[in-house]
Protein backbone atom coordinates (compact mmCIF):
# COMPACT_ATOMS: atom_id res chain seq x y z
CA MET A 1 127.30 114.00 112.88
CA GLN A 2 123.50 114.16 112.61
CA VAL A 3 121.48 112.07 115.27
CA TYR A 4 117.99 110.92 115.19
CA SER A 5 115.53 110.21 117.83
CA ARG A 6 113.66 106.78 118.29
CA GLU A 7 110.58 108.63 117.22
CA LYS A 8 112.17 110.29 113.86
CA ALA A 9 113.60 106.58 113.30
CA ALA A 10 110.66 105.01 113.78
CA ASP A 11 108.52 107.95 111.62
CA HIS A 12 111.69 107.37 108.57
CA SER A 13 110.80 103.59 108.87
CA ALA A 14 106.90 103.99 108.20
CA ALA A 15 107.39 106.60 105.55
CA ASN A 16 109.37 104.20 103.57
CA ALA A 17 107.04 101.15 104.13
CA ILE A 18 104.02 103.36 103.48
CA ALA A 19 105.57 104.09 100.20
CA GLY A 20 106.56 100.90 98.78
CA ALA A 21 102.80 99.93 99.57
CA VAL A 22 101.46 103.12 98.79
CA GLU A 23 103.46 102.12 95.34
CA THR A 24 101.87 98.19 95.20
CA SER A 25 98.61 99.43 95.73
CA LEU A 26 98.98 102.21 92.61
CA GLU A 27 100.15 99.73 90.53
CA ARG A 28 96.90 97.12 91.37
CA SER A 29 94.49 100.12 91.25
CA CYS A 30 95.56 100.95 87.55
CA ALA A 31 94.12 97.40 86.43
CA GLY A 32 90.72 94.97 87.67
CA GLN A 33 87.52 95.98 88.65
CA ASP A 34 85.89 98.00 91.60
CA ARG A 35 86.46 95.49 94.50
CA ILE A 36 85.81 95.08 98.39
CA VAL A 37 88.59 91.91 99.87
CA VAL A 38 87.23 91.70 103.78
CA ALA A 39 89.67 89.59 105.86
CA PRO A 40 88.56 87.47 108.86
CA GLU A 41 87.23 89.11 111.32
CA LEU A 42 90.16 89.56 114.04
CA ALA A 43 89.06 90.25 117.94
CA GLY A 44 86.00 92.15 116.73
CA ILE A 45 87.77 94.07 114.43
CA GLU A 46 86.94 94.09 110.55
CA ARG A 47 89.57 94.92 108.31
CA ILE A 48 89.03 95.64 104.22
CA GLU A 49 90.93 96.80 101.58
CA ALA A 50 88.50 98.98 99.15
CA ARG A 51 88.66 100.04 95.28
CA PHE A 52 86.32 102.15 92.78
CA ARG A 53 86.00 104.52 90.71
CA GLY A 54 83.44 107.78 91.17
CA LYS A 55 81.05 107.50 94.35
CA GLY A 56 81.66 104.49 96.58
CA PHE A 57 79.05 104.47 99.24
CA GLU A 58 76.13 106.97 100.14
CA PRO A 59 75.98 108.64 103.08
CA HIS A 60 75.98 106.30 106.40
CA ARG A 61 77.31 106.09 109.82
CA HIS A 62 79.13 103.40 112.07
CA ASP A 63 79.36 102.30 115.79
CA THR A 64 83.20 102.08 115.11
CA TYR A 65 86.19 104.27 114.87
CA ALA A 66 86.61 103.60 111.00
CA LEU A 67 90.97 104.32 110.42
CA GLY A 68 92.31 103.90 107.28
CA VAL A 69 94.91 104.93 105.00
CA THR A 70 94.92 106.02 101.77
CA MET A 71 96.78 103.69 99.33
CA ALA A 72 96.22 105.02 95.51
CA GLY A 73 94.06 108.10 93.96
CA ILE A 74 92.52 110.95 96.46
CA GLN A 75 90.12 110.09 98.40
CA THR A 76 87.09 112.62 98.79
CA PHE A 77 84.26 112.36 101.19
CA ARG A 78 81.80 114.38 103.31
CA TYR A 79 82.16 114.92 107.03
CA ARG A 80 80.67 116.87 109.54
CA GLY A 81 79.75 119.41 107.07
CA GLU A 82 82.63 119.45 104.97
CA ALA A 83 84.19 117.64 101.62
CA ARG A 84 87.32 116.02 102.79
CA PHE A 85 90.67 114.94 100.48
CA SER A 86 92.76 112.69 101.34
CA PRO A 87 96.14 111.50 99.11
CA PRO A 88 97.80 108.77 99.01
CA GLY A 89 99.95 107.66 102.43
CA ASN A 90 97.06 109.84 104.46
CA VAL A 91 95.21 108.84 107.76
CA ILE A 92 91.90 109.03 108.06
CA VAL A 93 90.04 108.77 110.81
CA LEU A 94 86.26 108.66 111.45
CA HIS A 95 84.80 108.72 114.64
CA PRO A 96 81.64 106.56 115.95
CA ASP A 97 78.61 107.78 115.06
CA GLU A 98 79.40 110.41 112.28
CA VAL A 99 77.78 110.86 108.86
CA HIS A 100 79.90 110.45 106.04
CA ASP A 101 80.19 109.24 102.74
CA GLY A 102 82.60 108.57 100.17
CA GLY A 103 84.27 107.86 96.72
CA ALA A 104 86.92 108.82 94.75
CA ALA A 105 88.16 112.37 93.77
CA THR A 106 89.81 111.92 90.51
CA ASP A 107 88.99 109.36 87.60
CA ASP A 108 92.01 107.69 88.18
CA GLY A 109 89.75 105.83 90.81
CA LEU A 110 90.94 105.28 95.07
CA THR A 111 92.30 102.34 96.50
CA TYR A 112 92.32 102.06 100.60
CA ARG A 113 92.46 100.03 103.40
CA MET A 114 90.46 100.36 106.41
CA MET A 115 89.71 98.99 109.95
CA TYR A 116 87.01 99.31 111.93
CA ILE A 117 87.81 99.24 115.98
CA PRO A 118 85.02 98.94 118.76
CA PRO A 119 85.39 102.27 121.22
CA GLU A 120 85.69 99.58 124.02
CA ARG A 121 88.99 98.45 122.25
CA PHE A 122 90.38 101.77 123.29
CA LEU A 123 89.23 102.04 126.69
CA PRO A 124 91.82 100.39 128.66
CA ALA A 125 94.50 102.69 126.96
CA THR A 126 92.37 105.63 127.29
CA ALA A 127 92.33 105.04 130.61
CA ALA A 128 95.59 104.79 131.86
CA ARG A 129 96.14 107.91 130.62
CA GLY A 130 93.19 109.72 132.30
CA ARG A 131 91.59 110.53 129.27
CA THR A 132 88.27 109.05 127.73
CA LEU A 133 87.79 108.31 124.31
CA PRO A 134 89.94 110.69 121.41
CA PHE A 135 88.43 112.80 119.44
CA VAL A 136 90.60 114.12 116.69
CA ALA A 137 89.03 117.14 114.70
CA SER A 138 90.33 116.73 111.40
CA PRO A 139 89.91 113.33 109.94
CA VAL A 140 92.56 113.55 107.63
CA VAL A 141 95.95 113.67 108.91
CA ASP A 142 99.80 113.37 107.70
CA ASP A 143 100.97 110.68 110.37
CA PRO A 144 103.64 108.20 108.66
CA ARG A 145 104.05 106.33 111.57
CA LEU A 146 99.72 105.70 112.76
CA ALA A 147 99.97 104.93 108.77
CA GLY A 148 102.29 102.47 108.97
CA LEU A 149 100.86 100.41 112.64
CA LEU A 150 97.09 100.94 110.80
CA LEU A 151 98.45 99.12 107.83
CA GLU A 152 100.70 96.71 110.09
CA ALA A 153 97.32 95.97 111.81
CA ILE A 154 95.30 95.54 108.60
CA GLY A 155 98.29 93.08 107.74
CA SER A 156 98.14 91.15 104.22
CA LEU A 157 93.96 90.72 104.49
CA ASP A 158 94.77 86.68 103.96
CA GLU A 159 97.02 86.48 106.93
CA THR A 160 96.64 86.17 111.12
CA ILE A 161 98.31 88.06 113.35
CA GLU A 162 99.29 87.06 116.87
CA PRO A 163 96.78 87.87 119.17
CA LEU A 164 99.94 89.84 121.46
CA LYS A 165 101.47 91.84 118.75
CA PHE A 166 97.90 92.55 117.69
CA ASP A 167 96.88 94.03 121.06
CA GLU A 168 99.69 95.89 121.49
CA LEU A 169 99.23 97.29 117.93
CA VAL A 170 95.54 98.61 119.24
CA GLY A 171 97.53 99.80 122.49
CA GLU A 172 99.54 101.97 119.92
CA ILE A 173 97.01 103.41 117.65
CA ALA A 174 94.91 104.32 120.11
CA SER A 175 97.83 106.27 122.10
CA ALA A 176 98.65 107.51 118.77
CA LEU A 177 94.96 109.20 118.43
CA LEU A 178 95.05 110.52 121.82
CA ASP A 179 98.36 112.19 120.68
CA HIS A 180 96.27 114.20 118.16
CA ALA A 181 93.46 114.58 120.39
CA GLY A 182 95.91 116.73 122.75
CA ALA A 183 96.13 114.02 125.53
CA PRO A 184 98.75 114.51 128.19
CA GLN A 185 101.36 112.18 128.02
CA ALA A 186 101.54 109.45 130.86
CA ARG A 187 103.28 110.00 133.39
CA ALA A 188 106.10 107.61 133.76
CA GLY A 189 106.30 106.40 137.12
CA ARG A 190 108.18 103.55 138.43
CA LEU A 191 110.31 101.26 136.58
CA ALA A 192 108.90 97.82 137.37
CA ARG A 193 111.58 95.96 136.80
CA PRO A 194 110.58 92.60 138.35
CA GLU A 195 107.10 92.36 136.41
CA VAL A 196 109.55 93.01 133.25
CA LEU A 197 111.21 90.10 133.99
CA ARG A 198 108.72 87.86 134.76
CA ALA A 199 107.52 88.29 131.71
CA CYS A 200 110.46 87.74 130.30
CA ASP A 201 110.98 83.88 131.69
CA PHE A 202 107.01 83.43 130.51
CA LEU A 203 108.03 84.73 127.00
CA ARG A 204 111.10 82.31 126.97
CA GLU A 205 109.59 79.44 128.48
CA ASN A 206 106.25 79.60 126.09
CA LEU A 207 108.06 79.86 122.58
CA CYS A 208 105.94 77.14 121.00
CA ARG A 209 102.30 78.64 121.71
CA GLN A 210 100.11 81.84 121.34
CA VAL A 211 101.07 84.03 123.75
CA SER A 212 98.12 86.98 124.28
CA ALA A 213 97.83 89.97 126.44
CA GLY A 214 95.88 88.47 129.09
CA ASP A 215 98.33 85.87 129.88
CA LEU A 216 101.32 88.29 130.61
CA GLU A 217 98.25 90.71 132.61
CA ALA A 218 98.13 87.07 134.86
CA VAL A 219 101.94 86.71 135.39
CA THR A 220 102.84 90.42 136.27
CA GLY A 221 99.66 92.07 137.30
CA LEU A 222 100.02 95.24 134.94
CA ASP A 223 97.95 95.91 132.16
CA ARG A 224 98.93 95.21 128.92
CA PHE A 225 99.18 99.34 128.14
CA ALA A 226 101.62 99.88 131.59
CA LEU A 227 103.78 96.75 130.86
CA ALA A 228 104.04 97.68 127.23
CA ARG A 229 105.11 100.98 128.22
CA GLN A 230 107.71 99.31 130.94
CA PHE A 231 108.89 96.80 128.24
CA ARG A 232 110.15 100.02 125.77
CA GLN A 233 111.60 101.99 129.17
CA LEU A 234 113.70 99.18 130.47
CA LEU A 235 114.62 97.23 127.03
CA GLY A 236 113.84 99.38 124.47
CA THR A 237 111.48 96.38 122.31
CA SER A 238 107.68 95.48 122.68
CA PRO A 239 107.00 91.76 124.69
CA HIS A 240 106.10 90.65 120.76
CA ARG A 241 108.92 91.73 119.53
CA TYR A 242 110.89 89.98 122.65
CA LEU A 243 108.93 86.68 121.63
CA VAL A 244 109.79 86.66 118.31
CA MET A 245 113.50 87.60 118.76
CA ARG A 246 113.89 84.28 121.12
CA ARG A 247 112.06 82.52 118.64
CA LEU A 248 114.90 83.47 115.94
CA GLU A 249 117.74 82.49 118.95
CA ARG A 250 116.01 78.85 119.00
CA ALA A 251 115.92 78.76 115.44
CA LYS A 252 119.33 79.83 115.04
CA GLY A 253 120.87 77.12 117.30
CA LEU A 254 118.53 74.25 115.24
CA ILE A 255 119.65 74.96 112.13
CA SER A 256 123.00 75.55 113.13
CA ALA A 257 123.15 72.28 114.53
CA GLY A 258 121.94 70.30 111.60
CA GLU A 259 117.94 70.72 111.71
CA SER A 260 116.13 71.46 108.86
CA ILE A 261 114.83 74.70 108.25
CA ALA A 262 111.02 73.77 108.16
CA GLU A 263 111.75 71.44 111.66
CA ALA A 264 113.42 74.59 113.18
CA ALA A 265 110.79 76.55 112.71
CA PHE A 266 107.76 74.29 114.16
CA ALA A 267 110.12 73.56 117.14
CA SER A 268 111.00 78.24 117.77
CA GLY A 269 107.06 78.40 118.10
CA PHE A 270 106.71 79.79 113.72
CA ALA A 271 104.03 78.85 112.34
CA ASP A 272 105.61 77.36 109.24
CA GLN A 273 108.80 77.71 107.47
CA ALA A 274 107.45 80.70 105.38
CA HIS A 275 106.39 82.47 108.34
CA LEU A 276 110.06 81.74 109.42
CA ASN A 277 111.67 83.23 106.54
CA ARG A 278 109.79 86.66 106.93
CA HIS A 279 111.24 87.40 111.00
CA PHE A 280 114.26 85.69 109.75
CA LYS A 281 115.27 87.78 106.90
CA LYS A 282 113.19 90.76 108.48
CA ALA A 283 115.46 90.90 111.74
CA LEU A 284 118.81 89.14 110.41
CA GLY A 285 119.33 90.19 107.10
CA MET A 286 119.47 87.16 105.65
CA THR A 287 117.46 83.97 104.75
CA PRO A 288 117.49 80.97 106.98
CA GLY A 289 118.66 78.87 103.96
CA ARG A 290 121.43 81.34 103.33
CA PHE A 291 122.12 80.89 107.17
CA ALA A 292 122.24 77.66 107.32
CA ALA A 293 124.59 77.46 104.29
CA LEU A 294 126.77 79.63 106.11
CA SER A 295 126.54 77.67 109.31
CA ALA A 296 127.47 74.46 107.11
CA ALA A 297 130.58 76.09 105.79
């Protein structure tokens, strides 16, 4: 019997998700005109999807980290004096204040997604590992897990992301960059069982409102990155995932009791019925409608 570690399983899952997203973007890139889609600002972080042929933009630089995933075509750019190339599924890591240009390397054109993260958003995560801001030597990285994190954080561009989930993703992205920069892993230290249990109680009591990482910091006395690590060590999951699963438990109970799916979604803290549908199917392998029919039977 072959046994996979949690990290390998996560990499495999991320690779499958990226493959599906890349295939979809490849289909879109074969038709339509050049364009840039800019998502609504999210906590000071810009998110875009760009599609174009030929030269995309002239040399310039940002005061943020520019992190993205090549979705279709071959992405090319000059960075730190060299021509770089990124095929679909690869991650782009551009550091603040580094001059670069960009374009499609072939006539097939290019589609990519990118997010621009102010360096100060990474400081708490890097401080937790005793490091300064990460510098990743290669601007093109083959890392399915990091690509999956970025695509999840960038999202579908027209949907909002819960603050707690987004803070967790930023922390995981920072940790992945530190790994690529060769930073040592943080020492495990003591297990904070009382603090994690207080966080669990708080999440269960606040299913129907937006919970932020700041809320959990106030309840536990741990910073958000330490709490996320402790959650994974003790419960094998993240605070946001724990919150979603408790919401699903409530929704299942309400649906079993005869409530409509829309009412169950509202009463369980989901934004709407579609939001419940996505999480329900992903976690339980069936739609709420099918679950309702089976419960009634």
